[in-house]
């Protein structure tokens, strides 16, 4: 059985908090921005092709995948926050 002292647990918690702030936070923000830009690209493509059915269908696909990407990103963000708060790691 592996026992961890409170000092080690505190150090691990601090390390995880720093990793979250320095690595995971910026990556999540970048992925949110990319999914949102992809969604907006689909919206523009949909509305700028009013007579082209193929262009509208392609725009609709971009909108759908952008929304799916945003949903996945919000879900991952929620899961990360849940795990961090469960272990008492600052976020």
N, C-alpha and C. Protein backbone atom coordinates (compact mmCIF):
# COMPACT_ATOMS: atom_id res chain seq x y z
N UNK A 1 0.84 -1.17 0.00
CA UNK A 1 0.00 0.00 0.00
C UNK A 1 0.90 1.24 0.00
N UNK A 2 0.60 2.16 -0.87
CA UNK A 2 1.40 3.37 -1.01
C UNK A 2 0.72 4.50 -0.25
N UNK A 3 1.45 5.05 0.69
CA UNK A 3 0.92 6.16 1.46
C UNK A 3 1.66 7.44 1.06
N UNK A 4 0.91 8.52 0.95
CA UNK A 4 1.48 9.80 0.56
C UNK A 4 1.29 10.76 1.72
N UNK A 5 2.37 11.45 2.08
CA UNK A 5 2.27 12.40 3.18
C UNK A 5 1.48 13.63 2.73
N UNK A 6 1.05 14.41 3.68
CA UNK A 6 0.28 15.61 3.34
C UNK A 6 1.13 16.62 2.58
N UNK A 7 2.42 16.68 2.87
CA UNK A 7 3.31 17.59 2.15
C UNK A 7 3.44 17.18 0.69
N UNK A 8 3.55 15.87 0.46
CA UNK A 8 3.62 15.37 -0.91
C UNK A 8 2.30 15.60 -1.64
N UNK A 9 1.19 15.37 -0.96
CA UNK A 9 -0.12 15.59 -1.56
C UNK A 9 -0.32 17.06 -1.90
N UNK A 10 0.16 17.94 -1.03
CA UNK A 10 0.06 19.36 -1.29
C UNK A 10 0.91 19.76 -2.49
N UNK A 11 2.11 19.17 -2.59
CA UNK A 11 3.00 19.46 -3.72
C UNK A 11 2.39 18.96 -5.02
N UNK A 12 1.79 17.80 -4.99
CA UNK A 12 1.15 17.24 -6.18
C UNK A 12 -0.03 18.11 -6.59
N UNK A 13 -0.80 18.54 -5.61
CA UNK A 13 -1.95 19.40 -5.89
C UNK A 13 -1.50 20.72 -6.50
N UNK A 14 -0.42 21.30 -5.97
CA UNK A 14 0.09 22.56 -6.51
C UNK A 14 0.62 22.37 -7.93
N UNK A 15 1.30 21.25 -8.17
CA UNK A 15 1.81 20.96 -9.51
C UNK A 15 0.66 20.83 -10.51
N UNK A 16 -0.38 20.10 -10.13
CA UNK A 16 -1.53 19.92 -11.02
C UNK A 16 -2.22 21.25 -11.29
N UNK A 17 -2.30 22.10 -10.29
CA UNK A 17 -2.89 23.42 -10.49
C UNK A 17 -2.09 24.25 -11.48
N UNK A 18 -0.76 24.18 -11.36
CA UNK A 18 0.10 24.93 -12.28
C UNK A 18 0.01 24.38 -13.70
N UNK A 19 -0.03 23.05 -13.83
CA UNK A 19 -0.18 22.43 -15.15
C UNK A 19 -1.50 22.85 -15.77
N UNK A 20 -2.54 22.88 -14.97
CA UNK A 20 -3.85 23.29 -15.47
C UNK A 20 -3.81 24.73 -15.96
N UNK A 21 -3.19 25.61 -15.20
CA UNK A 21 -3.16 27.02 -15.58
C UNK A 21 -2.23 27.28 -16.76
N UNK A 22 -1.10 26.60 -16.82
CA UNK A 22 -0.10 26.90 -17.85
C UNK A 22 -0.30 26.12 -19.14
N UNK A 23 -0.90 24.94 -19.05
CA UNK A 23 -1.01 24.09 -20.24
C UNK A 23 -2.46 23.86 -20.66
N UNK A 24 -3.25 23.30 -19.76
CA UNK A 24 -4.61 22.93 -20.13
C UNK A 24 -5.49 24.14 -20.43
N UNK A 25 -5.35 25.20 -19.66
CA UNK A 25 -6.17 26.40 -19.88
C UNK A 25 -5.98 26.99 -21.26
N UNK A 26 -4.75 27.29 -21.67
CA UNK A 26 -4.55 27.84 -23.01
C UNK A 26 -4.96 26.89 -24.14
N UNK A 27 -4.71 25.59 -23.95
CA UNK A 27 -5.12 24.63 -24.99
C UNK A 27 -6.63 24.62 -25.12
N UNK A 28 -7.34 24.62 -24.00
CA UNK A 28 -8.80 24.62 -24.04
C UNK A 28 -9.32 25.89 -24.71
N UNK A 29 -8.72 27.03 -24.40
CA UNK A 29 -9.16 28.27 -25.02
C UNK A 29 -8.92 28.24 -26.53
N UNK A 30 -7.80 27.72 -26.95
CA UNK A 30 -7.51 27.62 -28.38
C UNK A 30 -8.52 26.71 -29.07
N UNK A 31 -8.82 25.58 -28.47
CA UNK A 31 -9.78 24.65 -29.08
C UNK A 31 -11.19 25.24 -29.12
N UNK A 32 -11.58 25.96 -28.07
CA UNK A 32 -12.87 26.66 -28.09
C UNK A 32 -12.91 27.65 -29.25
N UNK A 33 -11.85 28.43 -29.40
CA UNK A 33 -11.80 29.43 -30.47
C UNK A 33 -11.86 28.77 -31.84
N UNK A 34 -11.14 27.68 -32.03
CA UNK A 34 -11.16 27.00 -33.33
C UNK A 34 -12.53 26.43 -33.66
N UNK A 35 -13.19 25.82 -32.67
CA UNK A 35 -14.52 25.28 -32.90
C UNK A 35 -15.51 26.39 -33.22
N UNK A 36 -15.39 27.52 -32.53
CA UNK A 36 -16.29 28.65 -32.78
C UNK A 36 -16.05 29.25 -34.16
N UNK A 37 -14.79 29.38 -34.56
CA UNK A 37 -14.47 29.91 -35.90
C UNK A 37 -15.00 28.96 -36.97
N UNK A 38 -14.86 27.67 -36.76
CA UNK A 38 -15.38 26.68 -37.72
C UNK A 38 -16.90 26.80 -37.83
N UNK A 39 -17.56 26.99 -36.70
CA UNK A 39 -19.01 27.18 -36.69
C UNK A 39 -19.39 28.44 -37.48
N UNK A 40 -18.70 29.55 -37.21
CA UNK A 40 -18.99 30.79 -37.92
C UNK A 40 -18.71 30.68 -39.41
N UNK A 41 -17.67 29.94 -39.78
CA UNK A 41 -17.38 29.71 -41.19
C UNK A 41 -18.56 28.98 -41.85
N UNK A 42 -19.11 28.00 -41.18
CA UNK A 42 -20.26 27.28 -41.72
C UNK A 42 -21.48 28.18 -41.86
N UNK A 43 -21.71 29.05 -40.88
CA UNK A 43 -22.85 29.98 -40.95
C UNK A 43 -22.69 30.92 -42.14
N UNK A 44 -21.49 31.48 -42.29
CA UNK A 44 -21.25 32.37 -43.42
C UNK A 44 -21.40 31.65 -44.75
N UNK A 45 -20.86 30.45 -44.84
CA UNK A 45 -20.96 29.68 -46.07
C UNK A 45 -22.42 29.35 -46.39
N UNK A 46 -23.21 29.09 -45.38
CA UNK A 46 -24.62 28.77 -45.57
C UNK A 46 -25.38 29.99 -46.10
N UNK A 47 -25.16 31.16 -45.49
CA UNK A 47 -25.92 32.34 -45.87
C UNK A 47 -25.40 33.04 -47.12
N UNK A 48 -24.15 32.83 -47.46
CA UNK A 48 -23.60 33.46 -48.66
C UNK A 48 -23.85 32.66 -49.93
N UNK A 49 -24.45 31.49 -49.80
CA UNK A 49 -24.79 30.66 -50.96
C UNK A 49 -26.30 30.39 -51.00
N UNK A 50 -27.13 31.43 -51.20
CA UNK A 50 -28.57 31.21 -51.12
C UNK A 50 -29.14 30.36 -52.26
N UNK A 51 -28.49 30.36 -53.41
CA UNK A 51 -29.02 29.62 -54.55
C UNK A 51 -28.27 28.33 -54.82
N UNK A 52 -27.11 28.16 -54.25
CA UNK A 52 -26.29 26.98 -54.46
C UNK A 52 -26.62 25.94 -53.39
N UNK A 53 -27.36 24.90 -53.79
CA UNK A 53 -27.77 23.89 -52.79
C UNK A 53 -26.58 23.12 -52.25
N UNK A 54 -25.57 22.89 -53.08
CA UNK A 54 -24.39 22.16 -52.61
C UNK A 54 -23.60 23.01 -51.61
N UNK A 55 -23.49 24.31 -51.86
CA UNK A 55 -22.81 25.21 -50.94
C UNK A 55 -23.54 25.33 -49.61
N UNK A 56 -24.88 25.37 -49.69
CA UNK A 56 -25.66 25.44 -48.45
C UNK A 56 -25.53 24.15 -47.65
N UNK A 57 -25.53 23.01 -48.35
CA UNK A 57 -25.39 21.73 -47.65
C UNK A 57 -24.02 21.64 -46.99
N UNK A 58 -22.99 22.13 -47.69
CA UNK A 58 -21.65 22.13 -47.12
C UNK A 58 -21.59 23.06 -45.90
N UNK A 59 -22.22 24.22 -46.00
CA UNK A 59 -22.28 25.15 -44.86
C UNK A 59 -23.01 24.54 -43.68
N UNK A 60 -24.09 23.83 -43.97
CA UNK A 60 -24.87 23.16 -42.91
C UNK A 60 -24.01 22.11 -42.20
N UNK A 61 -23.19 21.38 -42.98
CA UNK A 61 -22.31 20.39 -42.37
C UNK A 61 -21.28 21.05 -41.45
N UNK A 62 -20.73 22.19 -41.91
CA UNK A 62 -19.76 22.91 -41.07
C UNK A 62 -20.41 23.41 -39.79
N UNK A 63 -21.62 23.89 -39.88
CA UNK A 63 -22.34 24.36 -38.69
C UNK A 63 -22.56 23.19 -37.73
N UNK A 64 -22.99 22.06 -38.27
CA UNK A 64 -23.26 20.90 -37.41
C UNK A 64 -21.98 20.43 -36.71
N UNK A 65 -20.88 20.31 -37.45
CA UNK A 65 -19.64 19.84 -36.84
C UNK A 65 -19.05 20.88 -35.90
N UNK A 66 -19.26 22.15 -36.18
CA UNK A 66 -18.83 23.19 -35.25
C UNK A 66 -19.58 23.11 -33.94
N UNK A 67 -20.89 22.88 -34.01
CA UNK A 67 -21.69 22.74 -32.79
C UNK A 67 -21.30 21.49 -32.01
N UNK A 68 -21.04 20.40 -32.73
CA UNK A 68 -20.60 19.18 -32.06
C UNK A 68 -19.26 19.41 -31.37
N UNK A 69 -18.35 20.11 -32.05
CA UNK A 69 -17.06 20.44 -31.44
C UNK A 69 -17.21 21.29 -30.20
N UNK A 70 -18.09 22.29 -30.27
CA UNK A 70 -18.32 23.15 -29.10
C UNK A 70 -18.92 22.35 -27.95
N UNK A 71 -19.85 21.46 -28.27
CA UNK A 71 -20.46 20.62 -27.23
C UNK A 71 -19.41 19.75 -26.56
N UNK A 72 -18.54 19.14 -27.36
CA UNK A 72 -17.49 18.29 -26.81
C UNK A 72 -16.55 19.11 -25.94
N UNK A 73 -16.20 20.32 -26.39
CA UNK A 73 -15.29 21.16 -25.62
C UNK A 73 -15.92 21.57 -24.29
N UNK A 74 -17.20 21.94 -24.29
CA UNK A 74 -17.87 22.29 -23.03
C UNK A 74 -17.92 21.08 -22.10
N UNK A 75 -18.14 19.89 -22.67
CA UNK A 75 -18.19 18.68 -21.85
C UNK A 75 -16.84 18.39 -21.23
N UNK A 76 -15.78 18.47 -22.02
CA UNK A 76 -14.43 18.22 -21.50
C UNK A 76 -14.08 19.25 -20.43
N UNK A 77 -14.42 20.51 -20.68
CA UNK A 77 -14.16 21.57 -19.70
C UNK A 77 -14.89 21.26 -18.39
N UNK A 78 -16.13 20.83 -18.47
CA UNK A 78 -16.89 20.48 -17.27
C UNK A 78 -16.30 19.30 -16.52
N UNK A 79 -15.85 18.30 -17.27
CA UNK A 79 -15.24 17.13 -16.64
C UNK A 79 -13.94 17.52 -15.94
N UNK A 80 -13.13 18.34 -16.60
CA UNK A 80 -11.86 18.77 -15.98
C UNK A 80 -12.14 19.55 -14.70
N UNK A 81 -13.11 20.46 -14.76
CA UNK A 81 -13.46 21.24 -13.56
C UNK A 81 -13.97 20.33 -12.44
N UNK A 82 -14.75 19.32 -12.79
CA UNK A 82 -15.27 18.39 -11.79
C UNK A 82 -14.13 17.62 -11.13
N UNK A 83 -13.21 17.11 -11.92
CA UNK A 83 -12.09 16.36 -11.37
C UNK A 83 -11.22 17.26 -10.49
N UNK A 84 -10.94 18.47 -10.97
CA UNK A 84 -10.10 19.37 -10.18
C UNK A 84 -10.76 19.74 -8.86
N UNK A 85 -12.06 20.01 -8.89
CA UNK A 85 -12.74 20.39 -7.65
C UNK A 85 -12.88 19.19 -6.71
N UNK A 86 -13.00 17.98 -7.27
CA UNK A 86 -13.09 16.78 -6.44
C UNK A 86 -11.82 16.58 -5.62
N UNK A 87 -10.67 16.83 -6.24
CA UNK A 87 -9.40 16.64 -5.55
C UNK A 87 -8.90 17.90 -4.88
N UNK A 88 -9.68 18.98 -4.91
CA UNK A 88 -9.31 20.20 -4.23
C UNK A 88 -8.17 20.95 -4.89
N UNK A 89 -8.03 20.79 -6.20
CA UNK A 89 -6.96 21.45 -6.93
C UNK A 89 -7.50 22.78 -7.44
N UNK A 90 -6.78 23.88 -7.20
CA UNK A 90 -7.27 25.18 -7.67
C UNK A 90 -7.27 25.26 -9.20
N UNK A 91 -8.29 25.92 -9.75
CA UNK A 91 -8.37 26.08 -11.20
C UNK A 91 -8.58 27.50 -11.60
